[in-house]
PDB file of N, CA and C in Angstrom:
ATOM      1  N   UNK A   1      23.841  17.899 -32.705  1.00  0.00           N
ATOM      2  CA  UNK A   1      22.802  18.611 -33.403  1.00  0.00           C
ATOM      3  C   UNK A   1      22.039  19.459 -32.390  1.00  0.00           C
ATOM      4  N   UNK A   2      21.846  20.707 -32.676  1.00  0.00           N
ATOM      5  CA  UNK A   2      21.142  21.600 -31.771  1.00  0.00           C
ATOM      6  C   UNK A   2      19.631  21.463 -31.987  1.00  0.00           C
ATOM      7  N   UNK A   3      18.861  22.013 -31.067  1.00  0.00           N
ATOM      8  CA  UNK A   3      17.399  21.946 -31.178  1.00  0.00           C
ATOM      9  C   UNK A   3      16.890  22.629 -32.438  1.00  0.00           C
ATOM     10  N   UNK A   4      17.582  23.688 -32.874  1.00  0.00           N
ATOM     11  CA  UNK A   4      17.157  24.416 -34.070  1.00  0.00           C
ATOM     12  C   UNK A   4      17.334  23.579 -35.324  1.00  0.00           C
ATOM     13  N   UNK A   5      18.274  22.651 -35.309  1.00  0.00           N
ATOM     14  CA  UNK A   5      18.561  21.833 -36.488  1.00  0.00           C
ATOM     15  C   UNK A   5      17.740  20.538 -36.539  1.00  0.00           C
ATOM     16  N   UNK A   6      17.006  20.223 -35.511  1.00  0.00           N
ATOM     17  CA  UNK A   6      16.240  18.978 -35.470  1.00  0.00           C
ATOM     18  C   UNK A   6      15.099  19.011 -36.474  1.00  0.00           C
ATOM     19  N   UNK A   7      14.815  17.869 -37.010  1.00  0.00           N
ATOM     20  CA  UNK A   7      13.737  17.737 -37.985  1.00  0.00           C
ATOM     21  C   UNK A   7      12.387  17.684 -37.270  1.00  0.00           C
ATOM     22  N   UNK A   8      11.343  18.200 -37.879  1.00  0.00           N
ATOM     23  CA  UNK A   8      10.012  18.152 -37.261  1.00  0.00           C
ATOM     24  C   UNK A   8       9.556  16.728 -36.938  1.00  0.00           C
ATOM     25  N   UNK A   9       9.916  15.770 -37.786  1.00  0.00           N
ATOM     26  CA  UNK A   9       9.535  14.381 -37.510  1.00  0.00           C
ATOM     27  C   UNK A   9      10.163  13.873 -36.209  1.00  0.00           C
ATOM     28  N   UNK A  10      11.407  14.230 -35.970  1.00  0.00           N
ATOM     29  CA  UNK A  10      12.093  13.813 -34.745  1.00  0.00           C
ATOM     30  C   UNK A  10      11.446  14.461 -33.527  1.00  0.00           C
ATOM     31  N   UNK A  11      11.090  15.713 -33.661  1.00  0.00           N
ATOM     32  CA  UNK A  11      10.435  16.418 -32.553  1.00  0.00           C
ATOM     33  C   UNK A  11       9.076  15.778 -32.267  1.00  0.00           C
ATOM     34  N   UNK A  12       8.320  15.486 -33.293  1.00  0.00           N
ATOM     35  CA  UNK A  12       7.011  14.848 -33.113  1.00  0.00           C
ATOM     36  C   UNK A  12       7.155  13.477 -32.465  1.00  0.00           C
ATOM     37  N   UNK A  13       8.175  12.730 -32.865  1.00  0.00           N
ATOM     38  CA  UNK A  13       8.430  11.408 -32.289  1.00  0.00           C
ATOM     39  C   UNK A  13       8.746  11.536 -30.797  1.00  0.00           C
ATOM     40  N   UNK A  14       9.569  12.516 -30.445  1.00  0.00           N
ATOM     41  CA  UNK A  14       9.908  12.735 -29.034  1.00  0.00           C
ATOM     42  C   UNK A  14       8.667  13.112 -28.223  1.00  0.00           C
ATOM     43  N   UNK A  15       7.832  13.959 -28.799  1.00  0.00           N
ATOM     44  CA  UNK A  15       6.607  14.368 -28.107  1.00  0.00           C
ATOM     45  C   UNK A  15       5.697  13.160 -27.898  1.00  0.00           C
ATOM     46  N   UNK A  16       5.560  12.319 -28.913  1.00  0.00           N
ATOM     47  CA  UNK A  16       4.711  11.129 -28.807  1.00  0.00           C
ATOM     48  C   UNK A  16       5.257  10.152 -27.765  1.00  0.00           C
ATOM     49  N   UNK A  17       6.572   9.983 -27.711  1.00  0.00           N
ATOM     50  CA  UNK A  17       7.175   9.110 -26.703  1.00  0.00           C
ATOM     51  C   UNK A  17       6.931   9.652 -25.300  1.00  0.00           C
ATOM     52  N   UNK A  18       7.075  10.964 -25.142  1.00  0.00           N
ATOM     53  CA  UNK A  18       6.825  11.578 -23.837  1.00  0.00           C
ATOM     54  C   UNK A  18       5.356  11.413 -23.453  1.00  0.00           C
ATOM     55  N   UNK A  19       4.467  11.552 -24.409  1.00  0.00           N
ATOM     56  CA  UNK A  19       3.036  11.385 -24.173  1.00  0.00           C
ATOM     57  C   UNK A  19       2.736   9.951 -23.717  1.00  0.00           C
ATOM     58  N   UNK A  20       3.358   8.982 -24.346  1.00  0.00           N
ATOM     59  CA  UNK A  20       3.164   7.580 -23.961  1.00  0.00           C
ATOM     60  C   UNK A  20       3.673   7.310 -22.547  1.00  0.00           C
ATOM     61  N   UNK A  21       4.846   7.859 -22.223  1.00  0.00           N
ATOM     62  CA  UNK A  21       5.398   7.688 -20.867  1.00  0.00           C
ATOM     63  C   UNK A  21       4.465   8.308 -19.835  1.00  0.00           C
ATOM     64  N   UNK A  22       3.953   9.492 -20.129  1.00  0.00           N
ATOM     65  CA  UNK A  22       3.034  10.155 -19.201  1.00  0.00           C
ATOM     66  C   UNK A  22       1.737   9.350 -19.042  1.00  0.00           C
ATOM     67  N   UNK A  23       1.224   8.814 -20.141  1.00  0.00           N
ATOM     68  CA  UNK A  23      -0.001   8.015 -20.066  1.00  0.00           C
ATOM     69  C   UNK A  23       0.220   6.780 -19.201  1.00  0.00           C
ATOM     70  N   UNK A  24       1.360   6.131 -19.353  1.00  0.00           N
ATOM     71  CA  UNK A  24       1.681   4.953 -18.548  1.00  0.00           C
ATOM     72  C   UNK A  24       1.791   5.326 -17.075  1.00  0.00           C
ATOM     73  N   UNK A  25       2.446   6.432 -16.788  1.00  0.00           N
ATOM     74  CA  UNK A  25       2.589   6.885 -15.409  1.00  0.00           C
ATOM     75  C   UNK A  25       1.237   7.205 -14.796  1.00  0.00           C
ATOM     76  N   UNK A  26       0.389   7.871 -15.541  1.00  0.00           N
ATOM     77  CA  UNK A  26      -0.946   8.206 -15.037  1.00  0.00           C
ATOM     78  C   UNK A  26      -1.747   6.933 -14.775  1.00  0.00           C
ATOM     79  N   UNK A  27      -1.671   5.960 -15.682  1.00  0.00           N
ATOM     80  CA  UNK A  27      -2.368   4.690 -15.473  1.00  0.00           C
ATOM     81  C   UNK A  27      -1.890   3.997 -14.200  1.00  0.00           C
ATOM     82  N   UNK A  28      -0.584   4.023 -13.962  1.00  0.00           N
ATOM     83  CA  UNK A  28      -0.037   3.403 -12.755  1.00  0.00           C
ATOM     84  C   UNK A  28      -0.523   4.133 -11.506  1.00  0.00           C
ATOM     85  N   UNK A  29      -0.551   5.455 -11.552  1.00  0.00           N
ATOM     86  CA  UNK A  29      -1.017   6.231 -10.402  1.00  0.00           C
ATOM     87  C   UNK A  29      -2.500   5.987 -10.128  1.00  0.00           C
ATOM     88  N   UNK A  30      -3.299   5.917 -11.177  1.00  0.00           N
ATOM     89  CA  UNK A  30      -4.727   5.649 -11.004  1.00  0.00           C
ATOM     90  C   UNK A  30      -4.923   4.281 -10.371  1.00  0.00           C
ATOM     91  N   UNK A  31      -4.181   3.289 -10.828  1.00  0.00           N
ATOM     92  CA  UNK A  31      -4.288   1.940 -10.261  1.00  0.00           C
ATOM     93  C   UNK A  31      -3.887   1.943  -8.789  1.00  0.00           C
ATOM     94  N   UNK A  32      -2.761   2.569  -8.478  1.00  0.00           N
ATOM     95  CA  UNK A  32      -2.263   2.569  -7.097  1.00  0.00           C
ATOM     96  C   UNK A  32      -3.155   3.356  -6.157  1.00  0.00           C
ATOM     97  N   UNK A  33      -3.852   4.382  -6.667  1.00  0.00           N
ATOM     98  CA  UNK A  33      -4.703   5.220  -5.827  1.00  0.00           C
ATOM     99  C   UNK A  33      -6.135   4.702  -5.742  1.00  0.00           C
ATOM    100  N   UNK A  34      -6.453   3.649  -6.473  1.00  0.00           N
ATOM    101  CA  UNK A  34      -7.794   3.077  -6.458  1.00  0.00           C
ATOM    102  C   UNK A  34      -8.072   2.510  -5.060  1.00  0.00           C
ATOM    103  N   UNK A  35      -9.212   2.854  -4.450  1.00  0.00           N
ATOM    104  CA  UNK A  35      -9.507   2.363  -3.099  1.00  0.00           C
ATOM    105  C   UNK A  35      -9.475   0.840  -2.981  1.00  0.00           C
ATOM    106  N   UNK A  36      -9.951   0.120  -3.999  1.00  0.00           N
ATOM    107  CA  UNK A  36      -9.922  -1.341  -3.932  1.00  0.00           C
ATOM    108  C   UNK A  36      -8.486  -1.858  -3.910  1.00  0.00           C
ATOM    109  N   UNK A  37      -7.612  -1.220  -4.674  1.00  0.00           N
ATOM    110  CA  UNK A  37      -6.209  -1.613  -4.696  1.00  0.00           C
ATOM    111  C   UNK A  37      -5.558  -1.342  -3.342  1.00  0.00           C
ATOM    112  N   UNK A  38      -5.873  -0.205  -2.763  1.00  0.00           N
ATOM    113  CA  UNK A  38      -5.318   0.150  -1.451  1.00  0.00           C
ATOM    114  C   UNK A  38      -5.779  -0.861  -0.402  1.00  0.00           C
ATOM    115  N   UNK A  39      -7.066  -1.214  -0.429  1.00  0.00           N
ATOM    116  CA  UNK A  39      -7.588  -2.173   0.538  1.00  0.00           C
ATOM    117  C   UNK A  39      -6.914  -3.532   0.365  1.00  0.00           C
ATOM    118  N   UNK A  40      -6.791  -4.006  -0.878  1.00  0.00           N
ATOM    119  CA  UNK A  40      -6.117  -5.286  -1.127  1.00  0.00           C
ATOM    120  C   UNK A  40      -4.680  -5.275  -0.618  1.00  0.00           C
ATOM    121  N   UNK A  41      -3.988  -4.160  -0.853  1.00  0.00           N
ATOM    122  CA  UNK A  41      -2.593  -4.052  -0.420  1.00  0.00           C
ATOM    123  C   UNK A  41      -2.497  -4.079   1.108  1.00  0.00           C
ATOM    124  N   UNK A  42      -3.413  -3.374   1.790  1.00  0.00           N
ATOM    125  CA  UNK A  42      -3.387  -3.345   3.253  1.00  0.00           C
ATOM    126  C   UNK A  42      -3.760  -4.704   3.841  1.00  0.00           C
ATOM    127  N   UNK A  43      -4.730  -5.384   3.227  1.00  0.00           N
ATOM    128  CA  UNK A  43      -5.103  -6.721   3.699  1.00  0.00           C
ATOM    129  C   UNK A  43      -3.917  -7.672   3.545  1.00  0.00           C
ATOM    130  N   UNK A  44      -3.224  -7.578   2.431  1.00  0.00           N
ATOM    131  CA  UNK A  44      -2.049  -8.433   2.215  1.00  0.00           C
ATOM    132  C   UNK A  44      -0.970  -8.145   3.256  1.00  0.00           C
ATOM    133  N   UNK A  45      -0.801  -6.888   3.629  1.00  0.00           N
ATOM    134  CA  UNK A  45       0.187  -6.517   4.638  1.00  0.00           C
ATOM    135  C   UNK A  45      -0.177  -7.112   5.996  1.00  0.00           C
ATOM    136  N   UNK A  46      -1.446  -6.976   6.379  1.00  0.00           N
ATOM    137  CA  UNK A  46      -1.893  -7.515   7.669  1.00  0.00           C
ATOM    138  C   UNK A  46      -1.791  -9.040   7.660  1.00  0.00           C
ATOM    139  N   UNK A  47      -2.228  -9.651   6.567  1.00  0.00           N
ATOM    140  CA  UNK A  47      -2.170 -11.115   6.461  1.00  0.00           C
ATOM    141  C   UNK A  47      -0.721 -11.600   6.565  1.00  0.00           C
ATOM    142  N   UNK A  48       0.199 -10.885   5.934  1.00  0.00           N
ATOM    143  CA  UNK A  48       1.607 -11.276   5.989  1.00  0.00           C
ATOM    144  C   UNK A  48       2.158 -11.190   7.413  1.00  0.00           C
ATOM    145  N   UNK A  49       1.588 -10.319   8.237  1.00  0.00           N
ATOM    146  CA  UNK A  49       2.025 -10.193   9.622  1.00  0.00           C
ATOM    147  C   UNK A  49       1.613 -11.422  10.436  1.00  0.00           C
ATOM    148  N   UNK A  50       0.450 -11.993  10.099  1.00  0.00           N
ATOM    149  CA  UNK A  50      -0.077 -13.117  10.874  1.00  0.00           C
ATOM    150  C   UNK A  50       0.149 -14.482  10.243  1.00  0.00           C
ATOM    151  N   UNK A  51       0.456 -14.532   8.939  1.00  0.00           N
ATOM    152  CA  UNK A  51       0.636 -15.803   8.244  1.00  0.00           C
ATOM    153  C   UNK A  51       1.904 -15.717   7.398  1.00  0.00           C
ATOM    154  N   UNK A  52       2.754 -16.770   7.471  1.00  0.00           N
ATOM    155  CA  UNK A  52       3.975 -16.747   6.657  1.00  0.00           C
ATOM    156  C   UNK A  52       3.668 -17.144   5.218  1.00  0.00           C
ATOM    157  N   UNK A  53       4.696 -17.179   4.381  1.00  0.00           N
ATOM    158  CA  UNK A  53       4.515 -17.439   2.951  1.00  0.00           C
ATOM    159  C   UNK A  53       3.987 -18.841   2.660  1.00  0.00           C
ATOM    160  N   UNK A  54       4.235 -19.772   3.561  1.00  0.00           N
ATOM    161  CA  UNK A  54       3.763 -21.150   3.366  1.00  0.00           C
ATOM    162  C   UNK A  54       2.347 -21.348   3.901  1.00  0.00           C
ATOM    163  N   UNK A  55       1.762 -20.316   4.501  1.00  0.00           N
ATOM    164  CA  UNK A  55       0.404 -20.419   5.027  1.00  0.00           C
ATOM    165  C   UNK A  55       0.332 -20.815   6.485  1.00  0.00           C
ATOM    166  N   UNK A  56       1.482 -20.919   7.123  1.00  0.00           N
ATOM    167  CA  UNK A  56       1.517 -21.269   8.547  1.00  0.00           C
ATOM    168  C   UNK A  56       1.322 -20.017   9.394  1.00  0.00           C
ATOM    169  N   UNK A  57       0.567 -20.147  10.498  1.00  0.00           N
ATOM    170  CA  UNK A  57       0.359 -18.968  11.347  1.00  0.00           C
ATOM    171  C   UNK A  57       1.648 -18.560  12.053  1.00  0.00           C
ATOM    172  N   UNK A  58       1.813 -17.272  12.203  1.00  0.00           N
ATOM    173  CA  UNK A  58       2.960 -16.736  12.955  1.00  0.00           C
ATOM    174  C   UNK A  58       2.490 -16.532  14.395  1.00  0.00           C
ATOM    175  N   UNK A  59       2.649 -17.575  15.191  1.00  0.00           N
ATOM    176  CA  UNK A  59       2.089 -17.565  16.547  1.00  0.00           C
ATOM    177  C   UNK A  59       2.664 -16.447  17.410  1.00  0.00           C
ATOM    178  N   UNK A  60       3.933 -16.103  17.209  1.00  0.00           N
ATOM    179  CA  UNK A  60       4.517 -15.041  18.040  1.00  0.00           C
ATOM    180  C   UNK A  60       3.793 -13.711  17.816  1.00  0.00           C
ATOM    181  N   UNK A  61       3.422 -13.419  16.580  1.00  0.00           N
ATOM    182  CA  UNK A  61       2.708 -12.179  16.297  1.00  0.00           C
ATOM    183  C   UNK A  61       1.255 -12.259  16.763  1.00  0.00           C
ATOM    184  N   UNK A  62       0.643 -13.421  16.590  1.00  0.00           N
ATOM    185  CA  UNK A  62      -0.736 -13.595  17.048  1.00  0.00           C
ATOM    186  C   UNK A  62      -0.808 -13.436  18.566  1.00  0.00           C
ATOM    187  N   UNK A  63       0.161 -14.018  19.268  1.00  0.00           N
ATOM    188  CA  UNK A  63       0.178 -13.908  20.733  1.00  0.00           C
ATOM    189  C   UNK A  63       0.412 -12.473  21.192  1.00  0.00           C
ATOM    190  N   UNK A  64       1.239 -11.743  20.480  1.00  0.00           N
ATOM    191  CA  UNK A  64       1.471 -10.332  20.827  1.00  0.00           C
ATOM    192  C   UNK A  64       0.171  -9.539  20.740  1.00  0.00           C
ATOM    193  N   UNK A  65      -0.550  -9.717  19.646  1.00  0.00           N
ATOM    194  CA  UNK A  65      -1.798  -8.977  19.458  1.00  0.00           C
ATOM    195  C   UNK A  65      -2.842  -9.431  20.469  1.00  0.00           C
ATOM    196  N   UNK A  66      -2.966 -10.743  20.682  1.00  0.00           N
ATOM    197  CA  UNK A  66      -3.931 -11.259  21.655  1.00  0.00           C
ATOM    198  C   UNK A  66      -3.611 -10.739  23.055  1.00  0.00           C
ATOM    199  N   UNK A  67      -2.335 -10.703  23.409  1.00  0.00           N
ATOM    200  CA  UNK A  67      -1.940 -10.166  24.709  1.00  0.00           C
ATOM    201  C   UNK A  67      -2.269  -8.695  24.836  1.00  0.00           C
ATOM    202  N   UNK A  68      -2.050  -7.948  23.766  1.00  0.00           N
ATOM    203  CA  UNK A  68      -2.385  -6.521  23.786  1.00  0.00           C
ATOM    204  C   UNK A  68      -3.877  -6.288  23.939  1.00  0.00           C
ATOM    205  N   UNK A  69      -4.676  -7.068  23.235  1.00  0.00           N
ATOM    206  CA  UNK A  69      -6.139  -6.943  23.343  1.00  0.00           C
ATOM    207  C   UNK A  69      -6.594  -7.323  24.746  1.00  0.00           C
ATOM    208  N   UNK A  70      -6.074  -8.416  25.265  1.00  0.00           N
ATOM    209  CA  UNK A  70      -6.443  -8.846  26.615  1.00  0.00           C
ATOM    210  C   UNK A  70      -6.041  -7.786  27.643  1.00  0.00           C
ATOM    211  N   UNK A  71      -4.880  -7.210  27.497  1.00  0.00           N
ATOM    212  CA  UNK A  71      -4.442  -6.160  28.418  1.00  0.00           C
ATOM    213  C   UNK A  71      -5.328  -4.936  28.333  1.00  0.00           C
ATOM    214  N   UNK A  72      -5.723  -4.559  27.126  1.00  0.00           N
ATOM    215  CA  UNK A  72      -6.604  -3.392  26.951  1.00  0.00           C
ATOM    216  C   UNK A  72      -7.971  -3.647  27.581  1.00  0.00           C
ATOM    217  N   UNK A  73      -8.521  -4.843  27.342  1.00  0.00           N
ATOM    218  CA  UNK A  73      -9.831  -5.175  27.920  1.00  0.00           C
ATOM    219  C   UNK A  73      -9.743  -5.167  29.436  1.00  0.00           C
ATOM    220  N   UNK A  74      -8.678  -5.720  29.981  1.00  0.00           N
ATOM    221  CA  UNK A  74      -8.486  -5.714  31.434  1.00  0.00           C
ATOM    222  C   UNK A  74      -8.406  -4.292  31.959  1.00  0.00           C
ATOM    223  N   UNK A  75      -7.687  -3.442  31.276  1.00  0.00           N
ATOM    224  CA  UNK A  75      -7.568  -2.041  31.690  1.00  0.00           C
ATOM    225  C   UNK A  75      -8.928  -1.353  31.684  1.00  0.00           C
ATOM    226  N   UNK A  76      -9.723  -1.576  30.655  1.00  0.00           N
ATOM    227  CA  UNK A  76     -11.055  -0.954  30.571  1.00  0.00           C
ATOM    228  C   UNK A  76     -11.939  -1.451  31.711  1.00  0.00           C
ATOM    229  N   UNK A  77     -11.896  -2.761  31.994  1.00  0.00           N
ATOM    230  CA  UNK A  77     -12.710  -3.315  33.088  1.00  0.00           C
ATOM    231  C   UNK A  77     -12.284  -2.718  34.416  1.00  0.00           C
ATOM    232  N   UNK A  78     -10.989  -2.610  34.669  1.00  0.00           N
ATOM    233  CA  UNK A  78     -10.483  -2.049  35.930  1.00  0.00           C
ATOM    234  C   UNK A  78     -10.908  -0.580  36.052  1.00  0.00           C
ATOM    235  N   UNK A  79     -10.767   0.179  35.003  1.00  0.00           N
ATOM    236  CA  UNK A  79     -11.138   1.602  35.032  1.00  0.00           C
ATOM    237  C   UNK A  79     -12.636   1.752  35.293  1.00  0.00           C
ATOM    238  N   UNK A  80     -13.448   0.928  34.676  1.00  0.00           N
ATOM    239  CA  UNK A  80     -14.907   1.017  34.871  1.00  0.00           C
ATOM    240  C   UNK A  80     -15.268   0.678  36.309  1.00  0.00           C
ATOM    241  N   UNK A  81     -14.585  -0.316  36.897  1.00  0.00           N
ATOM    242  CA  UNK A  81     -14.906  -0.686  38.291  1.00  0.00           C
ATOM    243  C   UNK A  81     -14.437   0.380  39.279  1.00  0.00           C
ATOM    244  N   UNK A  82     -13.318   1.008  38.980  1.00  0.00           N
ATOM    245  CA  UNK A  82     -12.783   2.031  39.891  1.00  0.00           C
ATOM    246  C   UNK A  82     -13.663   3.285  39.851  1.00  0.00           C
ATOM    247  N   UNK A  83     -14.195   3.603  38.678  1.00  0.00           N
ATOM    248  CA  UNK A  83     -14.976   4.854  38.564  1.00  0.00           C
ATOM    249  C   UNK A  83     -16.427   4.696  38.998  1.00  0.00           C
ATOM    250  N   UNK A  84     -16.862   3.507  39.363  1.00  0.00           N
ATOM    251  CA  UNK A  84     -18.255   3.326  39.824  1.00  0.00           C
ATOM    252  C   UNK A  84     -18.444   3.811  41.190  1.00  0.00           C
TER     253      UNK A  84
END
């Protein structure tokens, strides 16, 4: 059946279905772009890096970050003493 032969009711139904799909997509985009949602997602990502699914700490990752922080602090202290 060509577009010219379609019934107005069928065309209206297609338009309404497309409208519903667009509304759902917009709702999903609004939810995903909400700052609170973004913050929750980022916190979950960081938490997953430091804690496994059972709630146990991932010591290897914690030690990596602690070592990096300690190295940075040491570097800042050395630079400050050298430039005095």
